Amino acid sequence: AKAKEAVRASTMAGVRELVATGKPGPAALVLMEVDVPENARGWPQLAADLIARPIPMVTRVHNTAVGNISWSPDGKRLLTSAGNVAHIWRADARGDAILLTGHEKTIASIDWSPDGTRVVTASADQTVRVWSADGKGEPLVLRGYADEVILAAFSHDGTHIVTASNDQTARVWRADGTGEPVVLRGHDENWRS
């Protein structure tokens, strides 16, 4: 019983901190996780205060259907793709999106580097691009595919990128583009299943 009380008190302290730092939406979500609200000191008042506050909702509009979306590792930005353009948005809805343009066909896959400084996009135009997450500079373009590239992802340490293509190959690249990729061949036509 004392362990549950301690968890309840800790959760309530977390809710109060979120409210104090101007995060009513996350505070409301955490408040709903309190297991026995009537046993949590201050729960009714916190709930009433949160209900009285407007919780901001954000809608971001793209020029075409959104194909992919991914949170940045720090949770402060969103990476989306719509058609052949990737967008980097601030999650708090401030400012304009950073547009990553250059693909000639639809982007099939997106991913953040573990440190959040780069993003990778894979496209039906048979290329993979590695971009600076601040939108500055030219992207690194990885080529050599005979068909659409359908997946791209950073390794856990951010030093490599793995890609998969409809040309029945998977490739492992150095994230800085140096050297030749390791090409994994021999996948049959059902290799994605």
Foldseek 3Di string as FASTA:
>chain_A
DVVLLVVLAVLVVVLVVCVVVPNLVVSVVSLVVNPDQVSRPPSVVSNVVSVPDDHDDDDDDDPADWQDWDAALVRQWMWIFGWQWIWIAGPVRPDDTQIDHDDPTGWQEKEAQNVRQWMWTFFQSQWIWIAGRVNDDDTDIDHDDPGGWRYWYADNNRQWIWTHGQSQWIWIAGNVRPDDIDIDHDQDNPNVD
